[in-house]
């Protein structure tokens, strides 16, 4: 078994598709137990029976449509009109705009590419230092993963539900659990941005203007209803996640293609293709991972791992700090979707053994993965920002370090204060 595991790791490092490595490990595990391999096909087919998974392609399609339209520019303009008058207001605008955009697209690299061209020059023009501006935009790319309708939140809920836990994991509850931790991240970075605002400007160059605010609101008038439509509807319990996804996709399609006409019918197939390529990658990894998860549960691997860990670590708090270190390393090396479907079936049962709420674990997991995106030396967003802004990657490392340590402190607060994630959920 050890030799097979080593071979699979080597194959993965050589560039084999991740889903192929996962399904190969599942096939070998079931073969060892004498179980008919048709069980894998059954598990793969089971994906088509999960209604909540409809949310993933629909939200992804809506996010890609928004990214291809001029919605990002309108979002920045609206944020600037509302917040630009604050000390450090333009930096706060960047944080808020990136967080909202990432929440809808679920892809931090897309945020850097889509909004970076707008925000980075604007920050430099307002008098912010180059290193600060680079660090802010690179860091902001991963903000928003804790806010609805973030795809990683949905995917974590789907994977957790397949484990048949005694404590239920509802996606609606995950959306609520992410609100305060996500806001704390934004608040901490906003304070730092105010402190680092150019001294020559007590306020940024934008002053409060009722006319400008009204103009920005009218300009973004078709996009603004997305917030109450998706977030308000889900949080209030009026609509399910899959229903909110369908409404969002239909609404964005009508607005951007038929009303604003910023995406032509000729461009639409390209947008659909790019969105579904991403969805296809997520779905095939999820499908084969369900089979792998069944093998892991049948072989009682989490129980054995928990017994081994508990023999050396009896403190819940020590386990959490080691988990943080592990997840930071994982976030540097693996994309968030793969990390969720591969690691959650192993980590979640172990965490339950230490008395950690599965909702709290989900927020810890995603907060660490969010940080891992720009953790030196191999965080993915570091290289995306280096390419996008044509700067040496070492300069990006230096620029992001202050933001990294601030968010690391917030991640520790999230980890050791469960109430921050759970206080809005009575009874947890």
Protein backbone atom coordinates (compact mmCIF):
# COMPACT_ATOMS: atom_id res chain seq x y z
CA UNK A 1 0.00 0.00 0.00
CA UNK A 2 2.84 2.38 0.89
CA UNK A 3 4.58 1.72 -2.43
CA UNK A 4 1.36 2.39 -4.37
CA UNK A 5 0.84 5.64 -2.46
CA UNK A 6 4.38 6.78 -3.27
CA UNK A 7 3.88 5.90 -6.94
CA UNK A 8 0.63 7.92 -7.05
CA UNK A 9 2.33 10.93 -5.44
CA UNK A 10 5.17 10.76 -7.98
CA UNK A 11 2.66 10.53 -10.85
CA UNK A 12 0.82 13.58 -9.50
CA UNK A 13 4.08 15.55 -9.20
CA UNK A 14 4.92 14.62 -12.80
CA UNK A 15 1.77 16.39 -13.95
CA UNK A 16 -0.89 13.67 -14.14
CA UNK A 17 -4.46 15.06 -13.91
CA UNK A 18 -5.56 15.22 -10.30
CA UNK A 19 -8.85 13.38 -10.95
CA UNK A 20 -6.90 10.47 -12.49
CA UNK A 21 -4.71 10.15 -9.40
CA UNK A 22 -7.75 10.27 -7.10
CA UNK A 23 -9.72 7.66 -9.04
CA UNK A 24 -6.64 5.41 -9.28
CA UNK A 25 -6.21 5.52 -5.50
CA UNK A 26 -9.93 4.74 -5.01
CA UNK A 27 -9.77 1.83 -7.47
CA UNK A 28 -6.76 0.36 -5.73
CA UNK A 29 -8.36 0.75 -2.30
CA UNK A 30 -11.61 -0.95 -3.31
CA UNK A 31 -9.70 -3.68 -5.15
CA UNK A 32 -7.70 -4.39 -1.98
CA UNK A 33 -10.95 -4.76 -0.03
CA UNK A 34 -12.46 -7.06 -2.66
CA UNK A 35 -15.24 -4.60 -3.54
CA UNK A 36 -16.58 -4.48 -7.11
CA UNK A 37 -15.14 -1.43 -8.89
CA UNK A 38 -18.58 -0.57 -10.27
CA UNK A 39 -19.11 1.23 -6.96
CA UNK A 40 -16.92 4.02 -8.37
CA UNK A 41 -19.25 4.52 -11.34
CA UNK A 42 -22.21 4.57 -8.96
CA UNK A 43 -20.56 7.29 -6.86
CA UNK A 44 -19.70 9.34 -9.92
CA UNK A 45 -23.32 9.11 -11.11
CA UNK A 46 -24.51 10.20 -7.66
CA UNK A 47 -23.21 13.71 -8.41
CA UNK A 48 -26.07 14.18 -10.88
CA UNK A 49 -28.55 13.56 -8.06
CA UNK A 50 -27.34 16.45 -5.86
CA UNK A 51 -29.62 19.40 -6.48
CA UNK A 52 -27.39 21.78 -4.52
CA UNK A 53 -24.61 21.26 -7.09
CA UNK A 54 -26.71 23.20 -9.58
CA UNK A 55 -25.51 26.30 -7.76
CA UNK A 56 -21.89 25.82 -8.83
CA UNK A 57 -22.26 26.10 -12.64
CA UNK A 58 -24.94 28.79 -12.35
CA UNK A 59 -22.98 31.04 -9.99
CA UNK A 60 -19.82 30.45 -12.05
CA UNK A 61 -21.61 31.43 -15.25
CA UNK A 62 -22.98 34.59 -13.60
CA UNK A 63 -19.50 35.46 -12.28
CA UNK A 64 -17.88 35.06 -15.69
CA UNK A 65 -20.58 37.19 -17.32
CA UNK A 66 -19.98 39.95 -14.78
CA UNK A 67 -16.23 39.68 -15.33
CA UNK A 68 -16.55 40.07 -19.11
CA UNK A 69 -18.89 43.07 -18.84
CA UNK A 70 -18.12 46.51 -17.43
CA UNK A 71 -19.60 45.55 -14.06
CA UNK A 72 -16.16 45.60 -12.33
CA UNK A 73 -15.64 49.24 -13.38
CA UNK A 74 -19.13 50.17 -12.15
CA UNK A 75 -18.46 48.37 -8.86
CA UNK A 76 -15.23 50.33 -8.33
CA UNK A 77 -16.96 53.62 -9.24
CA UNK A 78 -19.81 52.93 -6.82
CA UNK A 79 -17.44 51.93 -4.00
CA UNK A 80 -15.34 55.03 -4.61
CA UNK A 81 -18.37 57.30 -4.53
CA UNK A 82 -19.57 55.78 -1.24
CA UNK A 83 -16.23 55.32 0.54
CA UNK A 84 -13.69 57.47 -1.27
CA UNK A 85 -14.17 60.42 1.09
CA UNK A 86 -12.80 58.41 4.06
CA UNK A 87 -9.13 58.70 5.07
CA UNK A 88 -7.50 55.92 3.06
CA UNK A 89 -10.80 55.67 1.23
CA UNK A 90 -9.42 54.53 -2.12
CA UNK A 91 -7.59 51.64 -0.48
CA UNK A 92 -10.79 50.63 1.32
CA UNK A 93 -12.59 50.87 -2.03
CA UNK A 94 -10.08 48.37 -3.45
CA UNK A 95 -10.65 45.98 -0.55
CA UNK A 96 -14.44 46.11 -0.74
CA UNK A 97 -14.63 45.91 -4.53
CA UNK A 98 -12.24 42.93 -4.70
CA UNK A 99 -14.05 41.12 -1.87
CA UNK A 100 -17.44 41.48 -3.58
CA UNK A 101 -16.06 40.46 -6.97
CA UNK A 102 -14.29 37.38 -5.59
CA UNK A 103 -17.42 36.36 -3.68
CA UNK A 104 -19.34 36.18 -6.96
CA UNK A 105 -16.62 34.70 -9.19
CA UNK A 106 -15.05 32.37 -6.61
CA UNK A 107 -11.69 32.83 -8.32
CA UNK A 108 -9.11 35.12 -6.75
CA UNK A 109 -6.82 35.19 -9.79
CA UNK A 110 -9.67 36.53 -11.92
CA UNK A 111 -10.12 39.39 -9.45
CA UNK A 112 -6.46 40.45 -9.74
CA UNK A 113 -6.64 40.39 -13.52
CA UNK A 114 -10.06 42.06 -13.82
CA UNK A 115 -9.76 44.77 -11.16
CA UNK A 116 -6.00 45.16 -10.94
CA UNK A 117 -5.83 47.26 -14.09
CA UNK A 118 -8.32 49.70 -12.54
CA UNK A 119 -7.17 49.82 -8.94
CA UNK A 120 -3.37 49.70 -9.14
CA UNK A 121 -2.95 52.82 -11.32
CA UNK A 122 -5.64 54.62 -9.29
CA UNK A 123 -3.81 53.93 -6.03
CA UNK A 124 -0.51 55.19 -7.47
CA UNK A 125 -2.20 58.32 -8.82
CA UNK A 126 -3.71 59.02 -5.39
CA UNK A 127 -0.23 59.06 -3.86
CA UNK A 128 0.00 55.57 -2.35
CA UNK A 129 3.44 53.96 -2.49
CA UNK A 130 4.07 51.36 -5.15
CA UNK A 131 4.86 48.56 -2.69
CA UNK A 132 1.72 49.25 -0.67
CA UNK A 133 -0.43 49.33 -3.82
CA UNK A 134 1.04 46.07 -5.14
CA UNK A 135 0.54 44.35 -1.79
CA UNK A 136 -3.01 45.64 -1.40
CA UNK A 137 -4.21 44.52 -4.84
CA UNK A 138 -2.47 41.13 -4.61
CA UNK A 139 -3.89 40.49 -1.15
CA UNK A 140 -7.38 41.73 -2.02
CA UNK A 141 -7.60 39.14 -4.77
CA UNK A 142 -8.36 36.39 -2.28
CA UNK A 143 -10.72 38.38 -0.05
CA UNK A 144 -14.37 37.45 -0.38
CA UNK A 145 -14.05 33.66 -0.18
CA UNK A 146 -15.93 33.75 3.13
CA UNK A 147 -18.88 35.71 1.74
CA UNK A 148 -21.94 34.32 -0.05
CA UNK A 149 -22.25 33.07 -2.72
CA UNK A 150 -18.60 31.93 -2.66
CA UNK A 151 -18.12 28.65 -4.55
CA UNK A 152 -15.62 27.25 -2.00
CA UNK A 153 -18.22 27.69 0.76
CA UNK A 154 -20.77 25.77 -1.32
CA UNK A 155 -18.28 23.03 -2.19
CA UNK A 156 -17.23 22.60 1.45
CA UNK A 157 -20.89 22.17 2.41
CA UNK A 158 -21.47 19.60 -0.34
CA UNK A 159 -18.43 17.52 0.67
CA UNK A 160 -19.27 17.74 4.39
CA UNK A 161 -22.84 16.58 3.74
CA UNK A 162 -21.55 13.38 2.10
CA UNK A 163 -19.86 12.36 5.36
CA UNK A 164 -23.24 11.91 7.15
CA UNK A 165 -22.06 13.76 10.25
CA UNK A 166 -24.07 13.79 13.46
CA UNK A 167 -23.86 17.60 13.35
CA UNK A 168 -25.55 18.87 10.15
CA UNK A 169 -23.69 21.20 7.78
CA UNK A 170 -26.12 23.39 5.86
CA UNK A 171 -24.78 25.67 3.14
CA UNK A 172 -27.07 28.48 4.33
CA UNK A 173 -25.44 28.21 7.77
CA UNK A 174 -21.98 28.33 6.19
CA UNK A 175 -22.89 31.56 4.45
CA UNK A 176 -23.92 33.07 7.80
CA UNK A 177 -20.85 31.69 9.60
CA UNK A 178 -18.54 33.46 7.14
CA UNK A 179 -20.00 36.95 7.62
CA UNK A 180 -18.21 38.13 10.78
CA UNK A 181 -14.81 36.49 10.04
CA UNK A 182 -14.88 37.99 6.53
CA UNK A 183 -15.81 41.43 7.87
CA UNK A 184 -13.02 41.19 10.47
CA UNK A 185 -10.50 40.60 7.68
CA UNK A 186 -11.81 43.64 5.78
CA UNK A 187 -11.80 45.76 8.96
CA UNK A 188 -8.21 44.84 9.87
CA UNK A 189 -6.90 45.63 6.40
CA UNK A 190 -8.95 48.85 6.29
CA UNK A 191 -7.33 50.08 9.52
CA UNK A 192 -3.90 49.31 8.10
CA UNK A 193 -4.81 51.12 4.88
CA UNK A 194 -5.94 54.21 6.80
CA UNK A 195 -2.67 54.19 8.74
CA UNK A 196 -0.63 53.87 5.53
CA UNK A 197 -2.62 56.48 3.61
CA UNK A 198 -0.44 59.26 2.12
CA UNK A 199 0.32 61.80 4.85
CA UNK A 200 -0.11 64.70 2.43
CA UNK A 201 -3.76 63.73 2.06
CA UNK A 202 -5.81 63.83 5.24
CA UNK A 203 -8.48 62.42 2.99
CA UNK A 204 -8.17 60.86 -0.41
CA UNK A 205 -8.66 63.13 -3.36
CA UNK A 206 -12.30 62.13 -3.62
CA UNK A 207 -14.66 64.19 -1.43
CA UNK A 208 -18.19 63.24 -0.50
CA UNK A 209 -20.54 64.28 -3.25
CA UNK A 210 -24.23 63.53 -3.30
CA UNK A 211 -24.30 64.06 -7.02
CA UNK A 212 -21.45 61.60 -7.60
CA UNK A 213 -23.06 59.01 -5.32
CA UNK A 214 -26.39 59.30 -7.15
CA UNK A 215 -24.61 59.05 -10.50
CA UNK A 216 -22.73 55.91 -9.36
CA UNK A 217 -25.93 54.35 -8.02
CA UNK A 218 -27.74 55.00 -11.31
CA UNK A 219 -24.78 53.64 -13.29
CA UNK A 220 -24.76 50.41 -11.25
CA UNK A 221 -28.54 50.35 -10.93
CA UNK A 222 -28.90 46.98 -12.63
CA UNK A 223 -26.14 45.29 -10.59
CA UNK A 224 -27.15 46.58 -7.16
CA UNK A 225 -30.23 44.26 -6.88
CA UNK A 226 -27.87 41.25 -7.01
CA UNK A 227 -26.98 41.79 -3.35
CA UNK A 228 -30.54 41.55 -1.93
CA UNK A 229 -31.47 38.97 -4.56
CA UNK A 230 -28.70 36.52 -3.60
CA UNK A 231 -27.46 37.35 -0.13
CA UNK A 232 -30.70 38.72 1.34
CA UNK A 233 -32.81 35.93 -0.15
CA UNK A 234 -30.56 33.16 1.15
CA UNK A 235 -29.96 34.65 4.61
CA UNK A 236 -33.67 35.39 5.09
CA UNK A 237 -34.58 31.85 4.09
CA UNK A 238 -36.86 32.93 1.23
CA UNK A 239 -34.97 30.95 -1.42
CA UNK A 240 -32.63 27.96 -1.45
CA UNK A 241 -29.04 28.22 -2.66
CA UNK A 242 -29.76 26.52 -5.99
CA UNK A 243 -32.78 28.79 -6.56
CA UNK A 244 -30.67 31.87 -5.79
CA UNK A 245 -28.06 30.64 -8.28
CA UNK A 246 -30.67 30.19 -11.02
CA UNK A 247 -32.13 33.64 -10.39
CA UNK A 248 -28.66 35.21 -10.38
CA UNK A 249 -27.59 33.56 -13.63
CA UNK A 250 -30.84 34.50 -15.39
CA UNK A 251 -30.77 38.06 -14.05
CA UNK A 252 -27.14 38.68 -15.04
CA UNK A 253 -27.70 37.14 -18.47
CA UNK A 254 -30.68 39.41 -19.17
CA UNK A 255 -28.95 42.53 -17.84
CA UNK A 256 -25.53 42.16 -19.46
CA UNK A 257 -26.65 40.65 -22.78
CA UNK A 258 -30.13 42.04 -23.47
CA UNK A 259 -30.33 45.30 -21.52
CA UNK A 260 -26.79 46.69 -21.31
CA UNK A 261 -25.62 44.73 -24.38
CA UNK A 262 -22.02 44.71 -23.14
CA UNK A 263 -21.74 41.04 -24.08
CA UNK A 264 -22.87 40.19 -27.59
CA UNK A 265 -24.50 36.95 -28.65
CA UNK A 266 -21.29 36.19 -30.54
CA UNK A 267 -19.24 36.48 -27.31
CA UNK A 268 -21.69 34.43 -25.25
CA UNK A 269 -20.49 30.96 -26.38
CA UNK A 270 -16.91 31.89 -25.42
CA UNK A 271 -18.00 33.03 -21.94
CA UNK A 272 -20.05 29.85 -21.46
CA UNK A 273 -17.14 27.68 -22.60
CA UNK A 274 -14.64 29.33 -20.23
CA UNK A 275 -17.06 29.12 -17.29
CA UNK A 276 -17.94 25.49 -17.93
CA UNK A 277 -14.28 24.50 -18.31
CA UNK A 278 -13.78 25.64 -14.74
CA UNK A 279 -16.98 23.93 -13.60
CA UNK A 280 -16.04 20.71 -15.40
CA UNK A 281 -12.73 20.59 -13.60
CA UNK A 282 -14.43 21.03 -10.23
CA UNK A 283 -17.18 18.50 -10.97
CA UNK A 284 -14.95 15.68 -12.20
CA UNK A 285 -12.65 16.05 -9.18
CA UNK A 286 -15.70 16.10 -6.88
CA UNK A 287 -17.24 13.05 -8.57
CA UNK A 288 -14.20 10.82 -8.24
CA UNK A 289 -13.53 12.19 -4.76
CA UNK A 290 -16.93 10.91 -3.59
CA UNK A 291 -15.76 7.41 -4.46
CA UNK A 292 -12.46 8.04 -2.71
CA UNK A 293 -14.33 9.40 0.33
CA UNK A 294 -16.41 6.21 0.55
CA UNK A 295 -13.25 4.13 0.57
CA UNK A 296 -11.72 6.36 3.26
CA UNK A 297 -14.83 5.94 5.44
CA UNK A 298 -15.10 2.17 4.85
CA UNK A 299 -11.42 1.69 5.68
CA UNK A 300 -11.88 3.82 8.84
CA UNK A 301 -8.83 5.87 7.89
CA UNK A 302 -9.95 9.06 9.73
CA UNK A 303 -10.48 7.03 12.92
CA UNK A 304 -7.02 5.52 12.72
CA UNK A 305 -5.43 8.87 11.93
CA UNK A 306 -7.31 10.47 14.84
CA UNK A 307 -6.12 7.75 17.23
CA UNK A 308 -2.53 8.31 16.09
CA UNK A 309 -2.76 12.09 16.45
CA UNK A 310 -4.51 11.89 19.82
CA UNK A 311 -1.74 9.65 21.13
CA UNK A 312 0.65 12.59 20.68
CA UNK A 313 -1.69 15.61 20.88
CA UNK A 314 -4.40 15.69 23.50
CA UNK A 315 -5.13 19.43 23.36
CA UNK A 316 -7.70 20.82 20.96
CA UNK A 317 -5.81 24.11 20.80
CA UNK A 318 -2.50 22.47 19.89
CA UNK A 319 -4.26 20.53 17.16
CA UNK A 320 -5.72 23.77 15.78
CA UNK A 321 -2.35 25.53 15.52
CA UNK A 322 -0.84 22.51 13.76
CA UNK A 323 -3.87 22.47 11.48
CA UNK A 324 -3.26 26.14 10.61
CA UNK A 325 0.34 25.43 9.67
CA UNK A 326 -0.69 22.45 7.55
CA UNK A 327 -3.44 24.39 5.76
CA UNK A 328 -1.15 27.31 4.97
CA UNK A 329 1.29 24.91 3.29
CA UNK A 330 -1.62 23.22 1.52
CA UNK A 331 -2.96 26.56 0.28
CA UNK A 332 0.39 27.39 -1.30
CA UNK A 333 0.60 24.14 -3.25
CA UNK A 334 -2.98 23.20 -4.14
CA UNK A 335 -5.92 25.14 -5.53
CA UNK A 336 -8.78 25.61 -3.10
CA UNK A 337 -11.30 23.39 -4.90
CA UNK A 338 -8.95 20.40 -5.04
CA UNK A 339 -7.92 20.96 -1.42
CA UNK A 340 -11.55 20.87 -0.26
CA UNK A 341 -12.57 17.65 -1.99
CA UNK A 342 -9.33 15.83 -1.12
CA UNK A 343 -8.64 16.93 2.46
CA UNK A 344 -12.04 17.63 4.06
CA UNK A 345 -13.06 13.91 4.21
CA UNK A 346 -9.86 13.30 6.21
CA UNK A 347 -9.69 16.45 8.33
CA UNK A 348 -13.36 16.89 9.28
CA UNK A 349 -13.86 13.58 11.18
CA UNK A 350 -10.58 14.20 13.04
CA UNK A 351 -11.65 17.74 13.97
CA UNK A 352 -14.99 16.43 15.25
CA UNK A 353 -13.03 14.11 17.52
CA UNK A 354 -11.51 17.19 19.12
CA UNK A 355 -14.94 18.79 19.56
CA UNK A 356 -14.59 21.35 16.74
CA UNK A 357 -17.84 22.44 15.12
CA UNK A 358 -17.88 21.56 11.38
CA UNK A 359 -19.06 25.07 10.47
CA UNK A 360 -16.20 26.58 12.46
CA UNK A 361 -13.77 24.18 10.78
CA UNK A 362 -15.05 25.24 7.35
CA UNK A 363 -14.32 28.90 8.10
CA UNK A 364 -10.87 28.01 9.50
CA UNK A 365 -10.13 25.93 6.41
CA UNK A 366 -11.17 28.60 3.91
CA UNK A 367 -9.51 31.45 5.85
CA UNK A 368 -6.21 29.56 5.79
CA UNK A 369 -6.57 28.67 2.12
CA UNK A 370 -7.33 32.33 1.39
CA UNK A 371 -4.08 33.26 3.13
CA UNK A 372 -2.22 30.48 1.33
CA UNK A 373 -2.98 32.12 -2.03
CA UNK A 374 -0.34 34.78 -1.32
CA UNK A 375 1.94 32.99 1.16
CA UNK A 376 5.59 33.06 -0.04
CA UNK A 377 7.30 31.42 -1.75
CA UNK A 378 4.77 29.66 -4.01
CA UNK A 379 1.34 31.21 -3.34
CA UNK A 380 -0.50 31.29 -6.68
CA UNK A 381 -1.60 34.93 -6.48
CA UNK A 382 2.00 36.09 -6.08
CA UNK A 383 2.82 34.82 -9.55
CA UNK A 384 -0.44 36.06 -11.08
CA UNK A 385 0.27 39.56 -9.71
CA UNK A 386 3.88 39.39 -10.89
CA UNK A 387 2.70 38.59 -14.42
CA UNK A 388 -0.20 41.05 -14.38
CA UNK A 389 1.80 44.06 -13.15
CA UNK A 390 5.10 43.03 -14.80
CA UNK A 391 7.02 43.15 -11.51
CA UNK A 392 9.67 40.73 -10.17
CA UNK A 393 8.08 38.14 -7.93
CA UNK A 394 10.50 39.07 -5.12
CA UNK A 395 9.01 42.59 -5.12
CA UNK A 396 5.54 41.04 -4.79
CA UNK A 397 6.79 38.94 -1.84
CA UNK A 398 8.01 42.05 0.00
CA UNK A 399 4.88 44.02 -0.82
CA UNK A 400 2.49 41.40 0.55
CA UNK A 401 4.33 40.59 3.81
CA UNK A 402 2.62 43.29 5.98
CA UNK A 403 -0.80 42.20 4.71
CA UNK A 404 0.13 38.55 5.26
CA UNK A 405 0.97 39.07 8.94
CA UNK A 406 -2.18 41.13 9.55
CA UNK A 407 -4.39 38.45 8.05
CA UNK A 408 -2.42 35.72 9.83
CA UNK A 409 -3.36 37.43 13.10
CA UNK A 410 -7.01 37.50 12.00
CA UNK A 411 -6.86 33.80 11.05
CA UNK A 412 -5.61 33.00 14.55
CA UNK A 413 -8.51 34.98 16.04
CA UNK A 414 -10.94 33.05 13.80
CA UNK A 415 -9.30 29.78 14.86
CA UNK A 416 -9.31 30.33 18.61
CA UNK A 417 -12.58 32.24 18.91
CA UNK A 418 -15.30 29.88 17.62
CA UNK A 419 -17.99 32.37 18.63
CA UNK A 420 -16.92 34.73 15.87
CA UNK A 421 -18.11 32.18 13.31
CA UNK A 422 -21.04 30.77 15.29
CA UNK A 423 -22.57 33.69 17.21
CA UNK A 424 -25.04 34.48 14.40
CA UNK A 425 -26.25 30.88 14.50
CA UNK A 426 -28.29 30.29 17.67
CA UNK A 427 -28.01 26.76 19.01
CA UNK A 428 -24.56 25.97 17.60
